[in-house]
Amino acid sequence: MRILNFDEFKLEKEAIIESIIKGAVFIYPTDTIYGIGCNAQNSNSVKKIRQLKGRAANPFSVIAPSLEWIQGKCIVTKESEEWIEKLPGPYTLILKIKDQCVAKEVNSGLKTLGIRIPNHWSKMLASDAEVPIVTTSVNRSNEDYMTSLEDLDPSIKGGAEFIIYEGKKEGKPSKIIDLTGKVTVIER
């Protein structure tokens, strides 16, 4: 397992993007907190994240590769369009999906999906790989999320292939906006 800073990531970007496409599980910064992710279309990698987190069923969200991807894969209404226009930003939008565009292990086969585009360079992990990336906090279920390497759970650290680290994060998880019916803001 390697720990890279942003400059090291940039130097090895092509190889890292290729490893993400192939299923690497990795830890990365966002505009809010650190996330653990993988190619959301790779069932085995998603299962590995579920095992590392001890999270059996709750759905994961994804970083969308682009706004066009959201338009193509999700059912976009007038209300949801207003929120999509706020991306990139610290929001997770829960949208109905047109088809199963991620591995069933991401959203337990639901017809909805949580979608983010962080206001951070990490959004290019998904855009450059051209695949949705699982985005979930780096922690065991019901435990505190990672804000620095010092508080990273050793069992999760051991399961990641690499970490892109940019120092302590003081943010809080993204705000969840449920757009599957009446617009509902879910504070965490």
Protein backbone atom coordinates (compact mmCIF):
# COMPACT_ATOMS: atom_id res chain seq x y z
CA MET A 1 0.00 0.00 0.00
CA ARG A 2 1.38 3.36 -1.05
CA ILE A 3 0.72 6.85 0.28
CA LEU A 4 0.97 9.54 -2.39
CA ASN A 5 0.71 13.30 -2.22
CA PHE A 6 -0.94 15.24 -5.04
CA ASP A 7 2.34 15.84 -6.92
CA GLU A 8 3.20 12.13 -6.82
CA PHE A 9 -0.32 11.32 -7.99
CA LYS A 10 0.06 13.71 -10.95
CA LEU A 11 3.33 12.02 -11.96
CA GLU A 12 1.71 8.57 -11.94
CA LYS A 13 -1.79 9.63 -12.96
CA GLU A 14 -2.13 7.39 -16.04
CA ALA A 15 -1.09 4.25 -14.15
CA ILE A 16 -3.32 5.13 -11.18
CA ILE A 17 -6.35 5.78 -13.41
CA GLU A 18 -5.72 2.43 -15.12
CA SER A 19 -5.58 0.68 -11.71
CA ILE A 20 -8.89 2.32 -10.74
CA ILE A 21 -10.54 1.11 -13.95
CA LYS A 22 -9.26 -2.41 -13.18
CA GLY A 23 -10.70 -2.38 -9.65
CA ALA A 24 -8.21 -0.87 -7.17
CA VAL A 25 -9.63 0.06 -3.76
CA PHE A 26 -8.16 3.39 -2.65
CA ILE A 27 -8.50 6.29 -0.21
CA TYR A 28 -8.70 9.86 -1.50
CA PRO A 29 -9.53 13.42 -0.39
CA THR A 30 -12.66 15.30 -1.42
CA ASP A 31 -14.07 18.77 -0.77
CA THR A 32 -15.61 17.46 2.46
CA ILE A 33 -13.75 14.49 4.03
CA TYR A 34 -11.66 11.51 2.93
CA GLY A 35 -13.42 8.83 0.91
CA ILE A 36 -12.70 5.20 0.17
CA GLY A 37 -13.62 4.14 -3.32
CA CYS A 38 -13.27 1.95 -6.35
CA ASN A 39 -14.76 1.55 -9.81
CA ALA A 40 -18.48 1.37 -8.96
CA GLN A 41 -19.02 -1.06 -11.85
CA ASN A 42 -16.63 -3.67 -10.35
CA SER A 43 -18.63 -5.99 -8.05
CA ASN A 44 -15.60 -7.55 -6.37
CA SER A 45 -14.09 -4.19 -5.47
CA VAL A 46 -17.39 -2.90 -4.07
CA LYS A 47 -17.71 -6.11 -1.99
CA LYS A 48 -14.20 -5.48 -0.64
CA ILE A 49 -15.17 -1.97 0.52
CA ARG A 50 -18.30 -3.38 2.20
CA GLN A 51 -16.10 -5.91 4.01
CA LEU A 52 -13.52 -3.27 5.07
CA LYS A 53 -16.25 -0.97 6.42
CA GLY A 54 -18.34 -3.75 7.95
CA ARG A 55 -21.32 -2.31 6.09
CA ALA A 56 -23.58 -5.06 4.82
CA ALA A 57 -26.46 -3.37 3.04
CA ASN A 58 -26.73 0.43 3.14
CA PRO A 59 -26.25 1.88 -0.34
CA PHE A 60 -23.06 3.67 -1.33
CA SER A 61 -22.93 6.88 -3.32
CA VAL A 62 -20.75 7.49 -6.36
CA ILE A 63 -18.74 10.31 -7.85
CA ALA A 64 -20.22 10.72 -11.33
CA PRO A 65 -17.74 11.00 -14.22
CA SER A 66 -19.59 14.05 -15.58
CA LEU A 67 -22.83 16.01 -15.62
CA GLU A 68 -23.58 14.31 -18.95
CA TRP A 69 -23.26 10.91 -17.24
CA ILE A 70 -25.86 12.01 -14.67
CA GLN A 71 -28.21 13.21 -17.46
CA GLY A 72 -27.77 9.90 -19.33
CA LYS A 73 -28.10 7.48 -16.40
CA CYS A 74 -30.55 9.25 -14.08
CA ILE A 75 -34.12 10.46 -14.33
CA VAL A 76 -33.75 14.24 -14.19
CA THR A 77 -36.77 16.33 -13.21
CA LYS A 78 -37.17 20.10 -13.05
CA GLU A 79 -36.51 19.98 -9.29
CA SER A 80 -33.43 17.77 -9.61
CA GLU A 81 -32.06 19.91 -12.46
CA GLU A 82 -31.79 22.84 -10.04
CA TRP A 83 -29.65 20.74 -7.68
CA ILE A 84 -27.56 19.20 -10.45
CA GLU A 85 -26.65 22.74 -11.50
CA LYS A 86 -25.07 23.20 -8.02
CA LEU A 87 -22.50 20.51 -8.82
CA PRO A 88 -19.63 20.35 -8.25
CA GLY A 89 -20.29 20.96 -4.58
CA PRO A 90 -20.71 19.41 -1.10
CA TYR A 91 -23.92 17.58 -1.99
CA THR A 92 -24.97 13.99 -2.53
CA LEU A 93 -28.06 13.91 -4.76
CA ILE A 94 -30.27 10.84 -4.52
CA LEU A 95 -31.80 10.31 -7.95
CA LYS A 96 -33.85 7.61 -9.64
CA ILE A 97 -31.76 5.75 -12.22
CA LYS A 98 -32.79 4.63 -15.71
CA ASP A 99 -30.89 1.33 -15.55
CA GLN A 100 -28.44 -0.49 -13.31
CA CYS A 101 -25.42 1.70 -14.21
CA VAL A 102 -23.35 0.50 -11.22
CA ALA A 103 -22.67 -2.92 -9.70
CA LYS A 104 -25.72 -4.12 -7.76
CA GLU A 105 -23.53 -4.19 -4.62
CA VAL A 106 -23.33 -0.36 -4.71
CA ASN A 107 -27.04 0.31 -4.18
CA SER A 108 -28.39 -3.15 -3.29
CA GLY A 109 -30.21 -3.27 -6.63
CA LEU A 110 -32.31 -0.18 -5.77
CA LYS A 111 -33.69 2.01 -8.54
CA THR A 112 -32.01 5.02 -6.91
CA LEU A 113 -28.39 6.16 -6.55
CA GLY A 114 -26.59 8.79 -4.51
CA ILE A 115 -24.45 10.94 -6.81
CA ARG A 116 -21.71 13.48 -6.08
CA ILE A 117 -19.29 15.62 -8.00
CA PRO A 118 -16.94 17.11 -5.39
CA ASN A 119 -15.69 20.66 -5.76
CA HIS A 120 -12.17 19.25 -5.61
CA TRP A 121 -9.54 17.92 -7.99
CA SER A 122 -10.51 14.36 -6.91
CA LYS A 123 -13.53 14.58 -9.27
CA MET A 124 -11.08 13.86 -12.09
CA LEU A 125 -10.54 10.34 -10.72
CA ALA A 126 -14.01 9.53 -12.08
CA SER A 127 -13.90 11.81 -15.14
CA ASP A 128 -10.49 10.56 -16.32
CA ALA A 129 -11.38 6.91 -15.68
CA GLU A 130 -14.79 7.50 -17.32
CA VAL A 131 -16.45 5.34 -14.65
CA PRO A 132 -18.44 6.18 -11.53
CA ILE A 133 -16.33 5.89 -8.36
CA VAL A 134 -17.74 4.66 -5.04
CA THR A 135 -17.55 7.46 -2.49
CA THR A 136 -18.11 6.60 1.16
CA SER A 137 -16.44 7.82 4.32
CA VAL A 138 -13.26 6.06 5.43
CA ASN A 139 -14.36 4.30 8.61
CA ARG A 140 -15.83 1.13 10.01
CA SER A 141 -19.62 1.37 10.23
CA ASN A 142 -20.81 3.49 13.18
CA GLU A 143 -17.28 4.73 13.95
CA ASP A 144 -15.71 8.15 13.37
CA TYR A 145 -14.61 8.94 9.83
CA MET A 146 -10.99 9.56 8.90
CA THR A 147 -9.71 13.13 9.11
CA SER A 148 -5.98 12.29 9.00
CA LEU A 149 -3.68 9.28 8.54
CA GLU A 150 -3.29 9.02 12.33
CA ASP A 151 -6.95 8.08 12.79
CA LEU A 152 -7.19 5.68 9.84
CA ASP A 153 -8.41 2.26 10.99
CA PRO A 154 -5.51 -0.20 10.40
CA SER A 155 -7.82 -2.85 8.91
CA ILE A 156 -9.08 -0.36 6.31
CA LYS A 157 -5.56 0.93 5.61
CA GLY A 158 -4.41 -2.65 4.98
CA GLY A 159 -7.21 -3.19 2.44
CA ALA A 160 -6.45 -0.14 0.30
CA GLU A 161 -4.05 -0.37 -2.63
CA PHE A 162 -3.07 3.29 -2.32
CA ILE A 163 -3.90 6.49 -0.47
CA ILE A 164 -3.80 9.98 -1.94
CA TYR A 165 -3.19 12.16 1.09
CA GLU A 166 -3.31 15.93 1.39
CA GLY A 167 -3.18 16.46 5.14
CA LYS A 168 -5.82 16.76 7.83
CA LYS A 169 -9.39 17.40 6.65
CA GLU A 170 -11.63 19.57 8.83
CA GLY A 171 -14.80 19.13 6.74
CA LYS A 172 -17.97 17.19 7.41
CA PRO A 173 -19.79 14.71 5.16
CA SER A 174 -21.75 16.05 2.20
CA LYS A 175 -25.37 17.14 2.60
CA ILE A 176 -27.78 14.53 1.22
CA ILE A 177 -30.58 15.81 -1.02
CA ASP A 178 -33.25 13.19 -1.76
CA LEU A 179 -34.73 14.06 -5.16
CA THR A 180 -36.75 10.87 -5.67
CA GLY A 181 -40.03 12.51 -4.61
CA LYS A 182 -40.65 15.70 -2.68
CA VAL A 183 -37.21 17.35 -2.26
CA THR A 184 -35.84 16.37 1.15
CA VAL A 185 -32.60 17.65 2.68
CA ILE A 186 -30.99 15.10 5.01
CA GLU A 187 -28.52 16.62 7.48
CA ARG A 188 -25.88 14.29 8.90
